[in-house]
Each structure stands twice: as C-alpha cells, then as structure tokens.
Amino acid sequence: MKLSKKRFQKPARFELLPLLDVIFLLLIFFIFVMLKMTMQSSINIELPQLVDSKQQTEELLIISINSKNQIFINEEMTTEALLLPQVMTLQEEQKDQKLPILIRGDKQSNLGVALSILDKLRLSGFQHVAFATEKDK
C-alpha cells in the first residue's frame, strides 16, 4: 500500500494567538515587578518638601508616622514602647547586613514623636537613619 506524501504534509503555519498570549503575560509580569520595585506604602502620609532631596533605591526598614501620631513599622502598627524591640528583631533577621532605617513622618504629625524615635534608634546603635521628604517642585 502506497501512501501519498501530499496527504500527510501540511504547510507550516505560524500561529499568532499563542505568541500574543505569551507577550501579554510577559508584559503583565514586568509591570508587576516594576510596581514591587517602587516604594509602595498604604499608610496615607503627606511628606514634607525639600529643595534638595535624593531618591533612595536600596532596601529599607521603614518607620511611618501618620498625622494622628500613630507609628508603623513596614505598614504594621506598633507603639513607641514596642518600636525598638521590633526594629532589633527585624534587623537580626538580616544576617549579612543591617538595613538602613527610613522615618516617613507626615508633615502634620508631632515632630517630638519623630525625634524621640530617632533618639532611641541612635542610642541603640543604629547609625543609618534618615527622614523621607519629597522634592520641592
């Protein structure tokens, strides 16, 4: 029995729909990665503005103070008394290096709370502490 080659050979086709699916999935993946790379915070804080501000790009331990003087460590609410032990615990989890600490204080918050936190951190040996600001336009 002789089989015809024409019957079994189909012309090669380049399917575009699976290719478009892959391209859209890659696009969505890169969008989510870029959103994770930017500093996101769900705590509503209006930062003070300075003329000379620099963009921070490395990983940070973020302490936020909202306008009601509530304190948050990486978006988890805490009190001023529990702040230092929690910071020390988070820093001990970083085996190879200590994370710099960024204090994000609302411009309507009490300056005394931010300075008290800064003083406690400096007395405990944390030297890489900075305040977050927005660049004045």
N, C-alpha and C. Protein backbone atom coordinates (compact mmCIF):
# COMPACT_ATOMS: atom_id res chain seq x y z
N MET A 1 0.84 -1.17 0.00
CA MET A 1 0.00 0.00 0.00
C MET A 1 0.89 1.24 0.00
N LYS A 2 0.70 2.04 -0.96
CA LYS A 2 1.50 3.24 -1.11
C LYS A 2 0.73 4.45 -0.56
N LEU A 3 1.41 5.20 0.34
CA LEU A 3 0.77 6.37 0.92
C LEU A 3 1.30 7.63 0.25
N SER A 4 0.43 8.55 0.05
CA SER A 4 0.81 9.79 -0.61
C SER A 4 1.41 10.76 0.41
N LYS A 5 2.51 11.38 0.04
CA LYS A 5 3.16 12.33 0.94
C LYS A 5 2.37 13.64 1.02
N LYS A 6 1.63 13.94 -0.01
CA LYS A 6 0.86 15.18 -0.01
C LYS A 6 -0.23 15.15 1.06
N ARG A 7 -0.70 14.01 1.35
CA ARG A 7 -1.78 13.88 2.33
C ARG A 7 -1.30 14.15 3.76
N PHE A 8 -0.07 13.79 4.08
CA PHE A 8 0.44 13.91 5.44
C PHE A 8 1.22 15.20 5.69
N GLN A 9 1.65 15.87 4.68
CA GLN A 9 2.41 17.09 4.87
C GLN A 9 1.50 18.30 4.71
N LYS A 10 1.42 19.07 5.76
CA LYS A 10 0.64 20.31 5.70
C LYS A 10 1.63 21.46 5.65
N PRO A 11 1.25 22.53 5.06
CA PRO A 11 2.16 23.68 5.03
C PRO A 11 2.38 24.22 6.45
N ALA A 12 3.58 24.67 6.71
CA ALA A 12 3.90 25.21 8.03
C ALA A 12 3.14 26.51 8.27
N ARG A 13 2.58 26.63 9.47
CA ARG A 13 1.85 27.83 9.83
C ARG A 13 2.45 28.45 11.08
N PHE A 14 2.43 29.72 11.11
CA PHE A 14 2.94 30.45 12.27
C PHE A 14 1.73 31.00 13.03
N GLU A 15 1.44 30.41 14.17
CA GLU A 15 0.26 30.81 14.94
C GLU A 15 0.56 32.07 15.75
N LEU A 16 -0.26 33.09 15.60
CA LEU A 16 -0.03 34.36 16.29
C LEU A 16 -0.72 34.44 17.65
N LEU A 17 -1.83 33.75 17.82
CA LEU A 17 -2.56 33.86 19.09
C LEU A 17 -1.75 33.37 20.29
N PRO A 18 -1.10 32.22 20.26
CA PRO A 18 -0.28 31.84 21.41
C PRO A 18 0.89 32.80 21.64
N LEU A 19 1.43 33.33 20.56
CA LEU A 19 2.53 34.29 20.70
C LEU A 19 2.05 35.57 21.38
N LEU A 20 0.86 36.04 21.01
CA LEU A 20 0.31 37.22 21.66
C LEU A 20 0.02 36.97 23.13
N ASP A 21 -0.46 35.78 23.46
CA ASP A 21 -0.70 35.43 24.87
C ASP A 21 0.59 35.50 25.68
N VAL A 22 1.66 34.97 25.13
CA VAL A 22 2.95 34.98 25.82
C VAL A 22 3.46 36.41 25.98
N ILE A 23 3.30 37.23 24.95
CA ILE A 23 3.76 38.62 25.02
C ILE A 23 2.98 39.38 26.09
N PHE A 24 1.67 39.21 26.14
CA PHE A 24 0.87 39.90 27.16
C PHE A 24 1.20 39.41 28.57
N LEU A 25 1.45 38.12 28.73
CA LEU A 25 1.83 37.61 30.05
C LEU A 25 3.17 38.19 30.49
N LEU A 26 4.13 38.30 29.57
CA LEU A 26 5.42 38.91 29.91
C LEU A 26 5.24 40.39 30.27
N LEU A 27 4.40 41.07 29.53
CA LEU A 27 4.14 42.48 29.82
C LEU A 27 3.54 42.65 31.21
N ILE A 28 2.56 41.83 31.55
CA ILE A 28 1.94 41.90 32.88
C ILE A 28 2.96 41.57 33.96
N PHE A 29 3.81 40.57 33.73
CA PHE A 29 4.84 40.21 34.69
C PHE A 29 5.78 41.38 34.96
N PHE A 30 6.24 42.05 33.90
CA PHE A 30 7.17 43.16 34.09
C PHE A 30 6.50 44.36 34.75
N ILE A 31 5.23 44.57 34.50
CA ILE A 31 4.51 45.66 35.17
C ILE A 31 4.45 45.39 36.67
N PHE A 32 4.11 44.16 37.07
CA PHE A 32 4.05 43.85 38.49
C PHE A 32 5.42 43.94 39.15
N VAL A 33 6.45 43.51 38.46
CA VAL A 33 7.81 43.59 39.02
C VAL A 33 8.20 45.05 39.23
N MET A 34 7.90 45.90 38.27
CA MET A 34 8.25 47.31 38.41
C MET A 34 7.45 47.97 39.54
N LEU A 35 6.20 47.57 39.72
CA LEU A 35 5.42 48.13 40.82
C LEU A 35 5.99 47.69 42.16
N LYS A 36 6.49 46.46 42.26
CA LYS A 36 7.09 45.99 43.51
C LYS A 36 8.41 46.69 43.80
N MET A 37 9.10 47.11 42.75
CA MET A 37 10.40 47.75 42.95
C MET A 37 10.26 49.17 43.47
N THR A 38 9.14 49.82 43.18
CA THR A 38 8.94 51.16 43.70
C THR A 38 8.47 51.07 45.14
N MET A 39 8.73 52.10 45.90
CA MET A 39 8.37 52.08 47.30
C MET A 39 6.88 52.34 47.43
N GLN A 40 6.15 51.31 47.82
CA GLN A 40 4.70 51.40 47.98
C GLN A 40 4.37 51.47 49.46
N SER A 41 3.43 52.30 49.79
CA SER A 41 3.00 52.40 51.17
C SER A 41 1.50 52.66 51.19
N SER A 42 0.79 51.89 51.99
CA SER A 42 -0.64 52.08 52.07
C SER A 42 -1.03 53.04 53.20
N ILE A 43 -0.06 53.52 53.94
CA ILE A 43 -0.33 54.47 55.01
C ILE A 43 -0.32 55.87 54.40
N ASN A 44 -1.40 56.60 54.59
CA ASN A 44 -1.55 57.91 53.98
C ASN A 44 -0.70 58.93 54.74
N ILE A 45 0.41 59.32 54.12
CA ILE A 45 1.34 60.28 54.73
C ILE A 45 1.68 61.35 53.72
N GLU A 46 1.56 62.60 54.14
CA GLU A 46 1.97 63.72 53.30
C GLU A 46 3.36 64.16 53.76
N LEU A 47 4.36 63.85 52.94
CA LEU A 47 5.75 64.12 53.32
C LEU A 47 6.07 65.60 53.19
N PRO A 48 6.97 66.10 54.06
CA PRO A 48 7.43 67.48 53.90
C PRO A 48 8.27 67.60 52.63
N GLN A 49 8.35 68.81 52.09
CA GLN A 49 9.08 69.02 50.85
C GLN A 49 10.38 69.75 51.11
N LEU A 50 11.43 69.31 50.43
CA LEU A 50 12.74 69.95 50.48
C LEU A 50 13.20 70.24 49.06
N VAL A 51 14.06 71.23 48.91
CA VAL A 51 14.58 71.57 47.59
C VAL A 51 15.58 70.50 47.14
N ASP A 52 16.43 70.02 48.04
CA ASP A 52 17.47 69.06 47.69
C ASP A 52 17.16 67.71 48.33
N SER A 53 16.41 66.85 47.62
CA SER A 53 16.10 65.51 48.09
C SER A 53 16.69 64.51 47.11
N LYS A 54 17.11 63.35 47.63
CA LYS A 54 17.69 62.31 46.77
C LYS A 54 16.82 61.07 46.81
N GLN A 55 16.75 60.37 45.68
CA GLN A 55 15.97 59.14 45.56
C GLN A 55 16.70 58.00 46.26
N GLN A 56 15.99 57.26 47.11
CA GLN A 56 16.55 56.11 47.82
C GLN A 56 16.19 54.85 47.04
N THR A 57 17.18 54.02 46.69
CA THR A 57 16.91 52.85 45.85
C THR A 57 17.15 51.52 46.54
N GLU A 58 17.83 51.52 47.66
CA GLU A 58 18.13 50.24 48.31
C GLU A 58 16.99 49.81 49.24
N GLU A 59 17.06 48.56 49.70
CA GLU A 59 16.03 48.03 50.59
C GLU A 59 16.14 48.72 51.95
N LEU A 60 14.99 49.05 52.52
CA LEU A 60 14.95 49.85 53.75
C LEU A 60 14.02 49.22 54.78
N LEU A 61 14.25 49.59 56.03
CA LEU A 61 13.29 49.35 57.10
C LEU A 61 12.56 50.68 57.29
N ILE A 62 11.26 50.68 57.03
CA ILE A 62 10.51 51.94 57.00
C ILE A 62 9.67 52.09 58.27
N ILE A 63 9.88 53.20 58.96
CA ILE A 63 9.07 53.56 60.12
C ILE A 63 8.23 54.76 59.69
N SER A 64 6.90 54.61 59.75
CA SER A 64 5.99 55.66 59.31
C SER A 64 5.25 56.24 60.51
N ILE A 65 5.03 57.56 60.45
CA ILE A 65 4.25 58.26 61.47
C ILE A 65 3.16 59.03 60.72
N ASN A 66 1.88 58.69 60.96
CA ASN A 66 0.82 59.38 60.24
C ASN A 66 0.43 60.66 60.97
N SER A 67 -0.58 61.36 60.47
CA SER A 67 -0.96 62.66 61.03
C SER A 67 -1.57 62.54 62.43
N LYS A 68 -1.99 61.33 62.83
CA LYS A 68 -2.53 61.10 64.18
C LYS A 68 -1.45 60.61 65.14
N ASN A 69 -0.19 60.70 64.73
CA ASN A 69 0.98 60.26 65.52
C ASN A 69 0.97 58.76 65.81
N GLN A 70 0.35 57.98 64.95
CA GLN A 70 0.41 56.53 65.06
C GLN A 70 1.68 56.05 64.36
N ILE A 71 2.35 55.05 64.95
CA ILE A 71 3.63 54.58 64.44
C ILE A 71 3.44 53.24 63.76
N PHE A 72 4.07 53.08 62.58
CA PHE A 72 4.01 51.84 61.82
C PHE A 72 5.43 51.41 61.45
N ILE A 73 5.70 50.11 61.52
CA ILE A 73 6.95 49.55 61.02
C ILE A 73 6.59 48.67 59.83
N ASN A 74 7.05 49.06 58.66
CA ASN A 74 6.72 48.34 57.42
C ASN A 74 5.22 48.07 57.33
N GLU A 75 4.42 49.09 57.56
CA GLU A 75 2.97 49.08 57.45
C GLU A 75 2.25 48.28 58.54
N GLU A 76 2.94 47.89 59.60
CA GLU A 76 2.31 47.22 60.74
C GLU A 76 2.33 48.18 61.92
N MET A 77 1.16 48.42 62.49
CA MET A 77 1.04 49.39 63.57
C MET A 77 1.74 48.89 64.83
N THR A 78 2.39 49.80 65.52
CA THR A 78 3.10 49.49 66.77
C THR A 78 2.99 50.70 67.69
N THR A 79 3.56 50.57 68.88
CA THR A 79 3.61 51.69 69.81
C THR A 79 5.07 52.12 69.97
N GLU A 80 5.24 53.27 70.58
CA GLU A 80 6.60 53.77 70.77
C GLU A 80 7.40 52.88 71.72
N ALA A 81 6.71 52.25 72.68
CA ALA A 81 7.40 51.37 73.63
C ALA A 81 7.86 50.07 72.96
N LEU A 82 7.09 49.57 72.00
CA LEU A 82 7.43 48.32 71.32
C LEU A 82 8.29 48.52 70.08
N LEU A 83 8.51 49.76 69.70
CA LEU A 83 9.22 50.06 68.47
C LEU A 83 10.64 49.50 68.45
N LEU A 84 11.42 49.81 69.47
CA LEU A 84 12.82 49.40 69.49
C LEU A 84 13.00 47.89 69.48
N PRO A 85 12.27 47.10 70.31
CA PRO A 85 12.43 45.64 70.22
C PRO A 85 12.04 45.08 68.85
N GLN A 86 11.02 45.64 68.23
CA GLN A 86 10.62 45.16 66.91
C GLN A 86 11.66 45.49 65.85
N VAL A 87 12.25 46.67 65.92
CA VAL A 87 13.31 47.05 64.98
C VAL A 87 14.52 46.13 65.16
N MET A 88 14.89 45.87 66.40
CA MET A 88 16.03 44.98 66.65
C MET A 88 15.75 43.57 66.12
N THR A 89 14.53 43.08 66.29
CA THR A 89 14.17 41.75 65.77
C THR A 89 14.26 41.72 64.26
N LEU A 90 13.74 42.76 63.60
CA LEU A 90 13.80 42.80 62.14
C LEU A 90 15.23 42.92 61.64
N GLN A 91 16.07 43.66 62.36
CA GLN A 91 17.46 43.81 61.94
C GLN A 91 18.25 42.51 62.17
N GLU A 92 17.91 41.75 63.20
CA GLU A 92 18.60 40.48 63.44
C GLU A 92 18.27 39.45 62.37
N GLU A 93 17.10 39.57 61.74
CA GLU A 93 16.73 38.66 60.66
C GLU A 93 17.60 38.88 59.43
N GLN A 94 18.17 40.06 59.29
CA GLN A 94 19.08 40.35 58.18
C GLN A 94 20.47 39.87 58.58
N LYS A 95 20.89 38.74 58.08
CA LYS A 95 22.14 38.12 58.52
C LYS A 95 23.39 38.85 58.01
N ASP A 96 23.39 39.20 56.72
CA ASP A 96 24.61 39.72 56.15
C ASP A 96 24.81 41.22 56.36
N GLN A 97 23.75 41.99 56.38
CA GLN A 97 23.90 43.43 56.57
C GLN A 97 22.69 44.01 57.27
N LYS A 98 22.89 45.13 57.90
CA LYS A 98 21.81 45.83 58.57
C LYS A 98 21.12 46.75 57.57
N LEU A 99 19.80 46.77 57.61
CA LEU A 99 19.04 47.63 56.71
C LEU A 99 19.09 49.07 57.19
N PRO A 100 19.24 50.03 56.28
CA PRO A 100 19.10 51.42 56.68
C PRO A 100 17.65 51.68 57.10
N ILE A 101 17.47 52.60 58.02
CA ILE A 101 16.13 52.89 58.55
C ILE A 101 15.68 54.24 57.99
N LEU A 102 14.45 54.26 57.46
CA LEU A 102 13.88 55.48 56.90
C LEU A 102 12.65 55.84 57.73
N ILE A 103 12.63 57.05 58.25
CA ILE A 103 11.48 57.54 59.02
C ILE A 103 10.64 58.41 58.09
N ARG A 104 9.40 57.96 57.84
CA ARG A 104 8.46 58.70 56.99
C ARG A 104 7.43 59.35 57.91
N GLY A 105 7.57 60.63 58.16
CA GLY A 105 6.65 61.33 59.04
C GLY A 105 5.77 62.30 58.29
N ASP A 106 4.48 62.24 58.56
CA ASP A 106 3.54 63.19 57.96
C ASP A 106 3.89 64.59 58.44
N LYS A 107 3.73 65.57 57.57
CA LYS A 107 4.10 66.93 57.99
C LYS A 107 3.13 67.50 59.02
N GLN A 108 1.98 66.87 59.22
CA GLN A 108 1.04 67.28 60.25
C GLN A 108 1.29 66.55 61.58
N SER A 109 2.21 65.57 61.59
CA SER A 109 2.48 64.82 62.82
C SER A 109 3.36 65.64 63.76
N ASN A 110 3.42 65.20 65.00
CA ASN A 110 4.19 65.87 66.03
C ASN A 110 5.68 65.59 65.80
N LEU A 111 6.47 66.63 65.69
CA LEU A 111 7.90 66.47 65.47
C LEU A 111 8.57 65.76 66.64
N GLY A 112 8.02 65.92 67.83
CA GLY A 112 8.60 65.29 69.01
C GLY A 112 8.58 63.77 68.92
N VAL A 113 7.55 63.19 68.29
CA VAL A 113 7.47 61.73 68.14
C VAL A 113 8.60 61.25 67.24
N ALA A 114 8.81 61.94 66.11
CA ALA A 114 9.87 61.55 65.18
C ALA A 114 11.25 61.70 65.82
N LEU A 115 11.46 62.78 66.55
CA LEU A 115 12.76 62.98 67.20
C LEU A 115 12.99 61.99 68.33
N SER A 116 11.94 61.62 69.03
CA SER A 116 12.06 60.60 70.07
C SER A 116 12.45 59.26 69.48
N ILE A 117 11.84 58.90 68.35
CA ILE A 117 12.20 57.65 67.67
C ILE A 117 13.64 57.71 67.19
N LEU A 118 14.03 58.83 66.59
CA LEU A 118 15.40 58.99 66.13
C LEU A 118 16.39 58.86 67.28
N ASP A 119 16.08 59.48 68.41
CA ASP A 119 16.97 59.42 69.58
C ASP A 119 17.10 57.99 70.10
N LYS A 120 15.98 57.26 70.20
CA LYS A 120 16.03 55.88 70.68
C LYS A 120 16.85 54.99 69.74
N LEU A 121 16.67 55.20 68.43
CA LEU A 121 17.42 54.39 67.47
C LEU A 121 18.92 54.69 67.53
N ARG A 122 19.28 55.95 67.62
CA ARG A 122 20.70 56.32 67.68
C ARG A 122 21.35 55.81 68.97
N LEU A 123 20.64 55.89 70.11
CA LEU A 123 21.18 55.39 71.37
C LEU A 123 21.34 53.88 71.36
N SER A 124 20.56 53.19 70.53
CA SER A 124 20.65 51.72 70.43
C SER A 124 21.70 51.28 69.43
N GLY A 125 22.39 52.22 68.80
CA GLY A 125 23.48 51.86 67.90
C GLY A 125 23.13 51.88 66.42
N PHE A 126 21.95 52.30 66.05
CA PHE A 126 21.60 52.38 64.63
C PHE A 126 22.06 53.73 64.10
N GLN A 127 23.03 53.71 63.19
CA GLN A 127 23.61 54.94 62.67
C GLN A 127 23.04 55.36 61.32
N HIS A 128 22.47 54.42 60.57
CA HIS A 128 21.96 54.73 59.24
C HIS A 128 20.44 54.98 59.31
N VAL A 129 20.11 56.17 59.82
CA VAL A 129 18.71 56.57 59.98
C VAL A 129 18.52 57.88 59.20
N ALA A 130 17.45 57.93 58.38
CA ALA A 130 17.19 59.13 57.59
C ALA A 130 15.71 59.44 57.62
N PHE A 131 15.37 60.69 57.24
CA PHE A 131 13.98 61.12 57.15
C PHE A 131 13.58 61.19 55.67
N ALA A 132 12.36 60.75 55.37
CA ALA A 132 11.85 60.80 53.99
C ALA A 132 11.25 62.17 53.74
N THR A 133 11.54 62.73 52.57
CA THR A 133 10.96 64.01 52.15
C THR A 133 10.58 63.90 50.68
N GLU A 134 9.84 64.87 50.20
CA GLU A 134 9.54 64.98 48.78
C GLU A 134 10.32 66.14 48.23
N LYS A 135 10.75 66.01 46.98
CA LYS A 135 11.50 67.11 46.35
C LYS A 135 10.54 68.23 46.00
N ASP A 136 10.91 69.45 46.38
CA ASP A 136 10.09 70.62 46.10
C ASP A 136 10.16 70.91 44.61
N LYS A 137 9.01 71.20 44.04
CA LYS A 137 8.96 71.41 42.58
C LYS A 137 9.18 72.83 42.19
